[in-house]
Amino acid sequence: RPNVFRLQTAERRLFLFQAPTSEEMLSWISRINLVAAL
């Protein structure tokens, strides 16, 4: 599928998510990483 990103948690679990567009996928990635860092 297109526009799929992965999220690996601290427990080493892996989740795949699909966004409607490439721009939205990049937005989700940056926001998740920002919140994770904070």
Full PDB file with SEQRES, HELIX, SHEET, SSBOND, CRYST1, ORIGX, SCALE, CONECT and MASTER records, all heavy atoms in Angstrom:
SEQRES   1 A   38  ARG PRO ASN VAL PHE ARG LEU GLN THR ALA GLU ARG ARG          
SEQRES   2 A   38  LEU PHE LEU PHE GLN ALA PRO THR SER GLU GLU MET LEU          
SEQRES   3 A   38  SER TRP ILE SER ARG ILE ASN LEU VAL ALA ALA LEU              
HELIX    1 AA1 SER A   22  ALA A   37  1                                  16    
SHEET    1 AA1 2 VAL A   4  GLN A   8  0                                        
SHEET    2 AA1 2 LEU A  14  GLN A  18 -1                                        
CRYST1    1.000    1.000    1.000  90.00  90.00  90.00 P 1           1          
ORIGX1      1.000000  0.000000  0.000000        0.00000                         
ORIGX2      0.000000  1.000000  0.000000        0.00000                         
ORIGX3      0.000000  0.000000  1.000000        0.00000                         
SCALE1      1.000000  0.000000  0.000000        0.00000                         
SCALE2      0.000000  1.000000  0.000000        0.00000                         
SCALE3      0.000000  0.000000  1.000000        0.00000                         
ATOM      1  N   ARG A   1       0.850  -1.196   0.000  1.00  0.00           N  
ATOM      2  CA  ARG A   1       0.000   0.000   0.000  1.00  0.00           C  
ATOM      3  C   ARG A   1       0.882   1.240   0.000  1.00  0.00           C  
ATOM      4  O   ARG A   1       1.974   1.222   0.550  1.00  0.00           O  
ATOM      5  CB  ARG A   1      -0.920   0.012   1.222  1.00  0.00           C  
ATOM      6  CG  ARG A   1      -1.897  -1.134   1.255  1.00  0.00           C  
ATOM      7  CD  ARG A   1      -2.687  -1.104   2.556  1.00  0.00           C  
ATOM      8  NE  ARG A   1      -3.541  -2.255   2.652  1.00  0.00           N  
ATOM      9  CZ  ARG A   1      -4.837  -2.241   2.410  1.00  0.00           C  
ATOM     10  NH1 ARG A   1      -5.428  -1.126   2.043  1.00  0.00           N  
ATOM     11  NH2 ARG A   1      -5.554  -3.333   2.536  1.00  0.00           N  
ATOM     12  N   PRO A   2       0.373   2.347  -0.535  1.00  0.00           N  
ATOM     13  CA  PRO A   2       1.158   3.585  -0.522  1.00  0.00           C  
ATOM     14  C   PRO A   2       1.024   4.326   0.816  1.00  0.00           C  
ATOM     15  O   PRO A   2       0.097   4.083   1.589  1.00  0.00           O  
ATOM     16  CB  PRO A   2       0.530   4.402  -1.656  1.00  0.00           C  
ATOM     17  CG  PRO A   2      -0.898   3.941  -1.680  1.00  0.00           C  
ATOM     18  CD  PRO A   2      -0.858   2.468  -1.321  1.00  0.00           C  
ATOM     19  N   ASN A   3       1.972   5.224   1.068  1.00  0.00           N  
ATOM     20  CA  ASN A   3       1.936   6.128   2.227  1.00  0.00           C  
ATOM     21  C   ASN A   3       1.854   5.404   3.557  1.00  0.00           C  
ATOM     22  O   ASN A   3       1.101   5.783   4.452  1.00  0.00           O  
ATOM     23  CB  ASN A   3       0.766   7.112   2.103  1.00  0.00           C  
ATOM     24  CG  ASN A   3       0.763   7.831   0.779  1.00  0.00           C  
ATOM     25  OD1 ASN A   3       1.807   8.234   0.291  1.00  0.00           O  
ATOM     26  ND2 ASN A   3      -0.409   7.960   0.185  1.00  0.00           N  
ATOM     27  N   VAL A   4       2.630   4.362   3.701  1.00  0.00           N  
ATOM     28  CA  VAL A   4       2.648   3.583   4.940  1.00  0.00           C  
ATOM     29  C   VAL A   4       3.885   3.973   5.741  1.00  0.00           C  
ATOM     30  O   VAL A   4       4.973   4.097   5.202  1.00  0.00           O  
ATOM     31  CB  VAL A   4       2.645   2.071   4.647  1.00  0.00           C  
ATOM     32  CG1 VAL A   4       2.846   1.257   5.918  1.00  0.00           C  
ATOM     33  CG2 VAL A   4       1.341   1.676   3.968  1.00  0.00           C  
ATOM     34  N   PHE A   5       3.677   4.185   7.043  1.00  0.00           N  
ATOM     35  CA  PHE A   5       4.800   4.429   7.934  1.00  0.00           C  
ATOM     36  C   PHE A   5       4.728   3.460   9.099  1.00  0.00           C  
ATOM     37  O   PHE A   5       3.690   2.902   9.394  1.00  0.00           O  
ATOM     38  CB  PHE A   5       4.860   5.893   8.398  1.00  0.00           C  
ATOM     39  CG  PHE A   5       3.741   6.336   9.284  1.00  0.00           C  
ATOM     40  CD1 PHE A   5       3.875   6.327  10.669  1.00  0.00           C  
ATOM     41  CD2 PHE A   5       2.543   6.787   8.744  1.00  0.00           C  
ATOM     42  CE1 PHE A   5       2.846   6.759  11.483  1.00  0.00           C  
ATOM     43  CE2 PHE A   5       1.515   7.225   9.555  1.00  0.00           C  
ATOM     44  CZ  PHE A   5       1.665   7.208  10.931  1.00  0.00           C  
ATOM     45  N   ARG A   6       5.882   3.273   9.734  1.00  0.00           N  
ATOM     46  CA  ARG A   6       5.980   2.332  10.842  1.00  0.00           C  
ATOM     47  C   ARG A   6       6.232   3.086  12.132  1.00  0.00           C  
ATOM     48  O   ARG A   6       6.840   4.141  12.135  1.00  0.00           O  
ATOM     49  CB  ARG A   6       7.068   1.306  10.588  1.00  0.00           C  
ATOM     50  CG  ARG A   6       8.396   1.918  10.233  1.00  0.00           C  
ATOM     51  CD  ARG A   6       9.462   0.922   9.908  1.00  0.00           C  
ATOM     52  NE  ARG A   6      10.219   0.687  11.123  1.00  0.00           N  
ATOM     53  CZ  ARG A   6      10.873  -0.408  11.399  1.00  0.00           C  
ATOM     54  NH1 ARG A   6      10.909  -1.391  10.563  1.00  0.00           N  
ATOM     55  NH2 ARG A   6      11.523  -0.539  12.511  1.00  0.00           N  
ATOM     56  N   LEU A   7       5.725   2.518  13.205  1.00  0.00           N  
ATOM     57  CA  LEU A   7       5.943   3.062  14.544  1.00  0.00           C  
ATOM     58  C   LEU A   7       6.485   1.941  15.403  1.00  0.00           C  
ATOM     59  O   LEU A   7       5.820   0.916  15.583  1.00  0.00           O  
ATOM     60  CB  LEU A   7       4.636   3.604  15.133  1.00  0.00           C  
ATOM     61  CG  LEU A   7       4.705   4.083  16.570  1.00  0.00           C  
ATOM     62  CD1 LEU A   7       5.555   5.349  16.665  1.00  0.00           C  
ATOM     63  CD2 LEU A   7       3.320   4.340  17.122  1.00  0.00           C  
ATOM     64  N   GLN A   8       7.704   2.127  15.897  1.00  0.00           N  
ATOM     65  CA  GLN A   8       8.287   1.139  16.800  1.00  0.00           C  
ATOM     66  C   GLN A   8       8.262   1.721  18.197  1.00  0.00           C  
ATOM     67  O   GLN A   8       8.758   2.815  18.438  1.00  0.00           O  
ATOM     68  CB  GLN A   8       9.722   0.795  16.404  1.00  0.00           C  
ATOM     69  CG  GLN A   8      10.279  -0.299  17.279  1.00  0.00           C  
ATOM     70  CD  GLN A   8      11.477  -0.973  16.681  1.00  0.00           C  
ATOM     71  OE1 GLN A   8      11.887  -0.676  15.576  1.00  0.00           O  
ATOM     72  NE2 GLN A   8      12.044  -1.891  17.420  1.00  0.00           N  
ATOM     73  N   THR A   9       7.653   0.991  19.126  1.00  0.00           N  
ATOM     74  CA  THR A   9       7.479   1.476  20.490  1.00  0.00           C  
ATOM     75  C   THR A   9       8.671   1.098  21.363  1.00  0.00           C  
ATOM     76  O   THR A   9       9.547   0.335  20.948  1.00  0.00           O  
ATOM     77  CB  THR A   9       6.195   0.899  21.114  1.00  0.00           C  
ATOM     78  OG1 THR A   9       6.358  -0.511  21.256  1.00  0.00           O  
ATOM     79  CG2 THR A   9       4.968   1.219  20.271  1.00  0.00           C  
ATOM     80  N   ALA A  10       8.675   1.617  22.565  1.00  0.00           N  
ATOM     81  CA  ALA A  10       9.736   1.307  23.526  1.00  0.00           C  
ATOM     82  C   ALA A  10       9.761  -0.178  23.867  1.00  0.00           C  
ATOM     83  O   ALA A  10      10.805  -0.731  24.188  1.00  0.00           O  
ATOM     84  CB  ALA A  10       9.548   2.127  24.800  1.00  0.00           C  
ATOM     85  N   GLU A  11       8.610  -0.829  23.783  1.00  0.00           N  
ATOM     86  CA  GLU A  11       8.526  -2.265  24.066  1.00  0.00           C  
ATOM     87  C   GLU A  11       8.942  -3.094  22.864  1.00  0.00           C  
ATOM     88  O   GLU A  11       8.777  -4.301  22.844  1.00  0.00           O  
ATOM     89  CB  GLU A  11       7.097  -2.652  24.471  1.00  0.00           C  
ATOM     90  CG  GLU A  11       6.605  -1.989  25.731  1.00  0.00           C  
ATOM     91  CD  GLU A  11       6.047  -0.590  25.467  1.00  0.00           C  
ATOM     92  OE1 GLU A  11       5.620  -0.297  24.328  1.00  0.00           O  
ATOM     93  OE2 GLU A  11       6.071   0.222  26.395  1.00  0.00           O  
ATOM     94  N   ARG A  12       9.437  -2.428  21.807  1.00  0.00           N  
ATOM     95  CA  ARG A  12       9.916  -3.044  20.568  1.00  0.00           C  
ATOM     96  C   ARG A  12       8.786  -3.649  19.745  1.00  0.00           C  
ATOM     97  O   ARG A  12       9.000  -4.525  18.925  1.00  0.00           O  
ATOM     98  CB  ARG A  12      11.006  -4.068  20.861  1.00  0.00           C  
ATOM     99  CG  ARG A  12      12.161  -3.433  21.623  1.00  0.00           C  
ATOM    100  CD  ARG A  12      13.279  -4.365  21.840  1.00  0.00           C  
ATOM    101  NE  ARG A  12      13.980  -4.525  20.577  1.00  0.00           N  
ATOM    102  CZ  ARG A  12      14.844  -5.478  20.349  1.00  0.00           C  
ATOM    103  NH1 ARG A  12      15.130  -6.336  21.280  1.00  0.00           N  
ATOM    104  NH2 ARG A  12      15.442  -5.577  19.187  1.00  0.00           N  
ATOM    105  N   ARG A  13       7.557  -3.172  19.963  1.00  0.00           N  
ATOM    106  CA  ARG A  13       6.442  -3.590  19.120  1.00  0.00           C  
ATOM    107  C   ARG A  13       6.438  -2.718  17.877  1.00  0.00           C  
ATOM    108  O   ARG A  13       6.824  -1.559  17.920  1.00  0.00           O  
ATOM    109  CB  ARG A  13       5.116  -3.480  19.866  1.00  0.00           C  
ATOM    110  CG  ARG A  13       5.034  -4.432  21.046  1.00  0.00           C  
ATOM    111  CD  ARG A  13       3.686  -4.452  21.687  1.00  0.00           C  
ATOM    112  NE  ARG A  13       3.299  -3.105  22.102  1.00  0.00           N  
ATOM    113  CZ  ARG A  13       2.112  -2.804  22.579  1.00  0.00           C  
ATOM    114  NH1 ARG A  13       1.186  -3.733  22.697  1.00  0.00           N  
ATOM    115  NH2 ARG A  13       1.825  -1.581  22.959  1.00  0.00           N  
ATOM    116  N   LEU A  14       5.977  -3.269  16.780  1.00  0.00           N  
ATOM    117  CA  LEU A  14       5.982  -2.560  15.508  1.00  0.00           C  
ATOM    118  C   LEU A  14       4.563  -2.444  14.985  1.00  0.00           C  
ATOM    119  O   LEU A  14       3.836  -3.443  14.909  1.00  0.00           O  
ATOM    120  CB  LEU A  14       6.860  -3.309  14.495  1.00  0.00           C  
ATOM    121  CG  LEU A  14       7.050  -2.648  13.151  1.00  0.00           C  
ATOM    122  CD1 LEU A  14       7.805  -1.345  13.285  1.00  0.00           C  
ATOM    123  CD2 LEU A  14       7.803  -3.583  12.231  1.00  0.00           C  
ATOM    124  N   PHE A  15       4.173  -1.217  14.630  1.00  0.00           N  
ATOM    125  CA  PHE A  15       2.850  -0.958  14.069  1.00  0.00           C  
ATOM    126  C   PHE A  15       3.021  -0.289  12.717  1.00  0.00           C  
ATOM    127  O   PHE A  15       3.920   0.536  12.541  1.00  0.00           O  
ATOM    128  CB  PHE A  15       2.036  -0.027  14.981  1.00  0.00           C  
ATOM    129  CG  PHE A  15       1.731  -0.597  16.321  1.00  0.00           C  
ATOM    130  CD1 PHE A  15       2.569  -0.373  17.395  1.00  0.00           C  
ATOM    131  CD2 PHE A  15       0.592  -1.369  16.510  1.00  0.00           C  
ATOM    132  CE1 PHE A  15       2.293  -0.902  18.641  1.00  0.00           C  
ATOM    133  CE2 PHE A  15       0.303  -1.900  17.756  1.00  0.00           C  
ATOM    134  CZ  PHE A  15       1.151  -1.664  18.818  1.00  0.00           C  
ATOM    135  N   LEU A  16       2.154  -0.637  11.777  1.00  0.00           N  
ATOM    136  CA  LEU A  16       2.134   0.018  10.475  1.00  0.00           C  
ATOM    137  C   LEU A  16       0.865   0.842  10.373  1.00  0.00           C  
ATOM    138  O   LEU A  16      -0.215   0.389  10.745  1.00  0.00           O  
ATOM    139  CB  LEU A  16       2.170  -1.023   9.345  1.00  0.00           C  
ATOM    140  CG  LEU A  16       3.447  -1.859   9.246  1.00  0.00           C  
ATOM    141  CD1 LEU A  16       3.292  -2.913   8.162  1.00  0.00           C  
ATOM    142  CD2 LEU A  16       4.651  -0.986   8.968  1.00  0.00           C  
ATOM    143  N   PHE A  17       1.003   2.057   9.850  1.00  0.00           N  
ATOM    144  CA  PHE A  17      -0.127   2.955   9.651  1.00  0.00           C  
ATOM    145  C   PHE A  17      -0.111   3.437   8.208  1.00  0.00           C  
ATOM    146  O   PHE A  17       0.957   3.636   7.628  1.00  0.00           O  
ATOM    147  CB  PHE A  17      -0.041   4.173  10.578  1.00  0.00           C  
ATOM    148  CG  PHE A  17      -0.131   3.840  12.028  1.00  0.00           C  
ATOM    149  CD1 PHE A  17       1.009   3.634  12.785  1.00  0.00           C  
ATOM    150  CD2 PHE A  17      -1.367   3.738  12.653  1.00  0.00           C  
ATOM    151  CE1 PHE A  17       0.929   3.332  14.131  1.00  0.00           C  
ATOM    152  CE2 PHE A  17      -1.458   3.431  13.999  1.00  0.00           C  
ATOM    153  CZ  PHE A  17      -0.311   3.230  14.733  1.00  0.00           C  
ATOM    154  N   GLN A  18      -1.301   3.667   7.671  1.00  0.00           N  
ATOM    155  CA  GLN A  18      -1.400   4.188   6.317  1.00  0.00           C  
ATOM    156  C   GLN A  18      -2.089   5.544   6.365  1.00  0.00           C  
ATOM    157  O   GLN A  18      -3.126   5.708   7.015  1.00  0.00           O  
ATOM    158  CB  GLN A  18      -2.199   3.251   5.404  1.00  0.00           C  
ATOM    159  CG  GLN A  18      -2.273   3.762   3.987  1.00  0.00           C  
ATOM    160  CD  GLN A  18      -3.087   2.856   3.080  1.00  0.00           C  
ATOM    161  OE1 GLN A  18      -3.827   2.002   3.545  1.00  0.00           O  
ATOM    162  NE2 GLN A  18      -2.948   3.059   1.795  1.00  0.00           N  
ATOM    163  N   ALA A  19      -1.493   6.513   5.691  1.00  0.00           N  
ATOM    164  CA  ALA A  19      -2.058   7.856   5.596  1.00  0.00           C  
ATOM    165  C   ALA A  19      -2.663   8.034   4.203  1.00  0.00           C  
ATOM    166  O   ALA A  19      -2.246   7.363   3.257  1.00  0.00           O  
ATOM    167  CB  ALA A  19      -0.973   8.895   5.838  1.00  0.00           C  
ATOM    168  N   PRO A  20      -3.633   8.942   4.059  1.00  0.00           N  
ATOM    169  CA  PRO A  20      -4.258   9.148   2.754  1.00  0.00           C  
ATOM    170  C   PRO A  20      -3.295   9.714   1.706  1.00  0.00           C  
ATOM    171  O   PRO A  20      -3.377   9.360   0.534  1.00  0.00           O  
ATOM    172  CB  PRO A  20      -5.390  10.139   3.017  1.00  0.00           C  
ATOM    173  CG  PRO A  20      -5.570  10.169   4.487  1.00  0.00           C  
ATOM    174  CD  PRO A  20      -4.308   9.692   5.109  1.00  0.00           C  
ATOM    175  N   THR A  21      -2.384  10.606   2.131  1.00  0.00           N  
ATOM    176  CA  THR A  21      -1.448  11.222   1.186  1.00  0.00           C  
ATOM    177  C   THR A  21      -0.040  11.179   1.755  1.00  0.00           C  
ATOM    178  O   THR A  21       0.160  10.981   2.956  1.00  0.00           O  
ATOM    179  CB  THR A  21      -1.823  12.702   0.925  1.00  0.00           C  
ATOM    180  OG1 THR A  21      -1.653  13.426   2.153  1.00  0.00           O  
ATOM    181  CG2 THR A  21      -3.243  12.842   0.404  1.00  0.00           C  
ATOM    182  N   SER A  22       0.922  11.425   0.896  1.00  0.00           N  
ATOM    183  CA  SER A  22       2.312  11.455   1.322  1.00  0.00           C  
ATOM    184  C   SER A  22       2.563  12.611   2.290  1.00  0.00           C  
ATOM    185  O   SER A  22       3.303  12.462   3.266  1.00  0.00           O  
ATOM    186  CB  SER A  22       3.215  11.586   0.098  1.00  0.00           C  
ATOM    187  OG  SER A  22       4.549  11.645   0.476  1.00  0.00           O  
ATOM    188  N   GLU A  23       1.942  13.762   2.020  1.00  0.00           N  
ATOM    189  CA  GLU A  23       2.116  14.924   2.897  1.00  0.00           C  
ATOM    190  C   GLU A  23       1.571  14.644   4.295  1.00  0.00           C  
ATOM    191  O   GLU A  23       2.174  15.004   5.301  1.00  0.00           O  
ATOM    192  CB  GLU A  23       1.424  16.160   2.313  1.00  0.00           C  
ATOM    193  CG  GLU A  23       2.028  16.661   1.020  1.00  0.00           C  
ATOM    194  CD  GLU A  23       1.560  15.878  -0.204  1.00  0.00           C  
ATOM    195  OE1 GLU A  23       0.470  15.263  -0.153  1.00  0.00           O  
ATOM    196  OE2 GLU A  23       2.296  15.865  -1.193  1.00  0.00           O  
ATOM    197  N   GLU A  24       0.420  13.999   4.351  1.00  0.00           N  
ATOM    198  CA  GLU A  24      -0.172  13.678   5.650  1.00  0.00           C  
ATOM    199  C   GLU A  24       0.670  12.638   6.383  1.00  0.00           C  
ATOM    200  O   GLU A  24       0.829  12.703   7.606  1.00  0.00           O  
ATOM    201  CB  GLU A  24      -1.603  13.177   5.468  1.00  0.00           C  
ATOM    202  CG  GLU A  24      -2.383  13.202   6.761  1.00  0.00           C  
ATOM    203  CD  GLU A  24      -3.872  13.036   6.554  1.00  0.00           C  
ATOM    204  OE1 GLU A  24      -4.395  13.389   5.482  1.00  0.00           O  
ATOM    205  OE2 GLU A  24      -4.509  12.532   7.493  1.00  0.00           O  
ATOM    206  N   MET A  25       1.246  11.697   5.649  1.00  0.00           N  
ATOM    207  CA  MET A  25       2.116  10.701   6.266  1.00  0.00           C  
ATOM    208  C   MET A  25       3.322  11.394   6.905  1.00  0.00           C  
ATOM    209  O   MET A  25       3.664  11.123   8.062  1.00  0.00           O  
ATOM    210  CB  MET A  25       2.596   9.693   5.230  1.00  0.00           C  
ATOM    211  CG  MET A  25       3.597   8.684   5.772  1.00  0.00           C  
ATOM    212  SD  MET A  25       4.313   7.622   4.514  1.00  0.00           S  
ATOM    213  CE  MET A  25       5.338   8.784   3.634  1.00  0.00           C  
ATOM    214  N   LEU A  26       3.965  12.317   6.196  1.00  0.00           N  
ATOM    215  CA  LEU A  26       5.111  13.032   6.734  1.00  0.00           C  
ATOM    216  C   LEU A  26       4.711  13.884   7.937  1.00  0.00           C  
ATOM    217  O   LEU A  26       5.473  14.007   8.905  1.00  0.00           O  
ATOM    218  CB  LEU A  26       5.753  13.897   5.654  1.00  0.00           C  
ATOM    219  CG  LEU A  26       6.392  13.123   4.502  1.00  0.00           C  
ATOM    220  CD1 LEU A  26       6.872  14.076   3.417  1.00  0.00           C  
ATOM    221  CD2 LEU A  26       7.526  12.254   5.001  1.00  0.00           C  
ATOM    222  N   SER A  27       3.517  14.444   7.897  1.00  0.00           N  
ATOM    223  CA  SER A  27       3.015  15.227   9.024  1.00  0.00           C  
ATOM    224  C   SER A  27       2.840  14.344  10.257  1.00  0.00           C  
ATOM    225  O   SER A  27       3.239  14.720  11.367  1.00  0.00           O  
ATOM    226  CB  SER A  27       1.691  15.894   8.647  1.00  0.00           C  
ATOM    227  OG  SER A  27       1.126  16.538   9.749  1.00  0.00           O  
ATOM    228  N   TRP A  28       2.243  13.180  10.071  1.00  0.00           N  
ATOM    229  CA  TRP A  28       2.048  12.247  11.189  1.00  0.00           C  
ATOM    230  C   TRP A  28       3.400  11.815  11.762  1.00  0.00           C  
ATOM    231  O   TRP A  28       3.579  11.777  12.975  1.00  0.00           O  
ATOM    232  CB  TRP A  28       1.271  11.017  10.721  1.00  0.00           C  
ATOM    233  CG  TRP A  28      -0.206  11.198  10.822  1.00  0.00           C  
ATOM    234  CD1 TRP A  28      -1.038  11.676   9.861  1.00  0.00           C  
ATOM    235  CD2 TRP A  28      -1.019  10.914  11.952  1.00  0.00           C  
ATOM    236  NE1 TRP A  28      -2.319  11.706  10.322  1.00  0.00           N  
ATOM    237  CE2 TRP A  28      -2.344  11.246  11.608  1.00  0.00           C  
ATOM    238  CE3 TRP A  28      -0.774  10.415  13.220  1.00  0.00           C  
ATOM    239  CZ2 TRP A  28      -3.404  11.085  12.476  1.00  0.00           C  
ATOM    240  CZ3 TRP A  28      -1.829  10.256  14.098  1.00  0.00           C  
ATOM    241  CH2 TRP A  28      -3.121  10.594  13.715  1.00  0.00           C  
ATOM    242  N   ILE A  29       4.346  11.488  10.884  1.00  0.00           N  
ATOM    243  CA  ILE A  29       5.666  11.042  11.337  1.00  0.00           C  
ATOM    244  C   ILE A  29       6.327  12.126  12.178  1.00  0.00           C  
ATOM    245  O   ILE A  29       6.824  11.857  13.281  1.00  0.00           O  
ATOM    246  CB  ILE A  29       6.556  10.656  10.133  1.00  0.00           C  
ATOM    247  CG1 ILE A  29       6.052   9.358   9.503  1.00  0.00           C  
ATOM    248  CG2 ILE A  29       8.016  10.508  10.557  1.00  0.00           C  
ATOM    249  CD1 ILE A  29       6.738   9.003   8.196  1.00  0.00           C  
ATOM    250  N   SER A  30       6.333  13.353  11.688  1.00  0.00           N  
ATOM    251  CA  SER A  30       7.006  14.420  12.437  1.00  0.00           C  
ATOM    252  C   SER A  30       6.296  14.723  13.755  1.00  0.00           C  
ATOM    253  O   SER A  30       6.940  14.961  14.780  1.00  0.00           O  
ATOM    254  CB  SER A  30       7.137  15.682  11.589  1.00  0.00           C  
ATOM    255  OG  SER A  30       5.877  16.210  11.281  1.00  0.00           O  
ATOM    256  N   ARG A  31       4.983  14.687  13.774  1.00  0.00           N  
ATOM    257  CA  ARG A  31       4.259  14.976  15.011  1.00  0.00           C  
ATOM    258  C   ARG A  31       4.412  13.865  16.040  1.00  0.00           C  
ATOM    259  O   ARG A  31       4.562  14.129  17.232  1.00  0.00           O  
ATOM    260  CB  ARG A  31       2.788  15.223  14.713  1.00  0.00           C  
ATOM    261  CG  ARG A  31       2.592  16.532  13.999  1.00  0.00           C  
ATOM    262  CD  ARG A  31       1.196  16.758  13.583  1.00  0.00           C  
ATOM    263  NE  ARG A  31       1.139  17.938  12.722  1.00  0.00           N  
ATOM    264  CZ  ARG A  31       0.079  18.675  12.575  1.00  0.00           C  
ATOM    265  NH1 ARG A  31      -1.042  18.376  13.192  1.00  0.00           N  
ATOM    266  NH2 ARG A  31       0.114  19.716  11.779  1.00  0.00           N  
ATOM    267  N   ILE A  32       4.366  12.634  15.587  1.00  0.00           N  
ATOM    268  CA  ILE A  32       4.565  11.513  16.520  1.00  0.00           C  
ATOM    269  C   ILE A  32       5.960  11.577  17.117  1.00  0.00           C  
ATOM    270  O   ILE A  32       6.147  11.416  18.326  1.00  0.00           O  
ATOM    271  CB  ILE A  32       4.310  10.160  15.821  1.00  0.00           C  
ATOM    272  CG1 ILE A  32       2.825   9.987  15.539  1.00  0.00           C  
ATOM    273  CG2 ILE A  32       4.844   9.010  16.669  1.00  0.00           C  
ATOM    274  CD1 ILE A  32       2.495   8.789  14.670  1.00  0.00           C  
ATOM    275  N   ASN A  33       6.969  11.816  16.283  1.00  0.00           N  
ATOM    276  CA  ASN A  33       8.339  11.883  16.790  1.00  0.00           C  
ATOM    277  C   ASN A  33       8.537  13.063  17.735  1.00  0.00           C  
ATOM    278  O   ASN A  33       9.276  12.956  18.716  1.00  0.00           O  
ATOM    279  CB  ASN A  33       9.337  11.933  15.638  1.00  0.00           C  
ATOM    280  CG  ASN A  33       9.477  10.591  14.958  1.00  0.00           C  
ATOM    281  OD1 ASN A  33       9.230   9.552  15.555  1.00  0.00           O  
ATOM    282  ND2 ASN A  33       9.855  10.601  13.698  1.00  0.00           N  
ATOM    283  N   LEU A  34       7.883  14.181  17.458  1.00  0.00           N  
ATOM    284  CA  LEU A  34       7.970  15.336  18.359  1.00  0.00           C  
ATOM    285  C   LEU A  34       7.373  14.998  19.727  1.00  0.00           C  
ATOM    286  O   LEU A  34       7.992  15.233  20.773  1.00  0.00           O  
ATOM    287  CB  LEU A  34       7.262  16.549  17.765  1.00  0.00           C  
ATOM    288  CG  LEU A  34       7.179  17.777  18.675  1.00  0.00           C  
ATOM    289  CD1 LEU A  34       8.570  18.322  18.966  1.00  0.00           C  
ATOM    290  CD2 LEU A  34       6.292  18.831  18.064  1.00  0.00           C  
ATOM    291  N   VAL A  35       6.192  14.421  19.731  1.00  0.00           N  
ATOM    292  CA  VAL A  35       5.548  14.056  20.996  1.00  0.00           C  
ATOM    293  C   VAL A  35       6.360  12.996  21.721  1.00  0.00           C  
ATOM    294  O   VAL A  35       6.545  13.063  22.942  1.00  0.00           O  
ATOM    295  CB  VAL A  35       4.096  13.579  20.750  1.00  0.00           C  
ATOM    296  CG1 VAL A  35       3.496  12.981  22.004  1.00  0.00           C  
ATOM    297  CG2 VAL A  35       3.245  14.736  20.244  1.00  0.00           C  
ATOM    298  N   ALA A  36       6.887  12.033  20.984  1.00  0.00           N  
ATOM    299  CA  ALA A  36       7.710  10.989  21.614  1.00  0.00           C  
ATOM    300  C   ALA A  36       8.941  11.605  22.265  1.00  0.00           C  
ATOM    301  O   ALA A  36       9.304  11.242  23.388  1.00  0.00           O  
ATOM    302  CB  ALA A  36       8.122   9.956  20.577  1.00  0.00           C  
ATOM    303  N   ALA A  37       9.572  12.551  21.587  1.00  0.00           N  
ATOM    304  CA  ALA A  37      10.763  13.192  22.152  1.00  0.00           C  
ATOM    305  C   ALA A  37      10.412  14.027  23.378  1.00  0.00           C  
ATOM    306  O   ALA A  37      11.150  14.034  24.367  1.00  0.00           O  
ATOM    307  CB  ALA A  37      11.431  14.065  21.096  1.00  0.00           C  
ATOM    308  N   LEU A  38       9.284  14.717  23.331  1.00  0.00           N  
ATOM    309  CA  LEU A  38       8.887  15.553  24.471  1.00  0.00           C  
ATOM    310  C   LEU A  38       8.476  14.719  25.681  1.00  0.00           C  
ATOM    311  O   LEU A  38       8.673  15.135  26.820  1.00  0.00           O  
ATOM    312  CB  LEU A  38       7.748  16.491  24.068  1.00  0.00           C  
ATOM    313  CG  LEU A  38       8.129  17.611  23.095  1.00  0.00           C  
ATOM    314  CD1 LEU A  38       6.889  18.361  22.657  1.00  0.00           C  
ATOM    315  CD2 LEU A  38       9.142  18.549  23.719  1.00  0.00           C  
TER     316      LEU A  38                                                      
MASTER        0    0    0    1    2    0    0    6  315    1    0    3          
END                                                                             
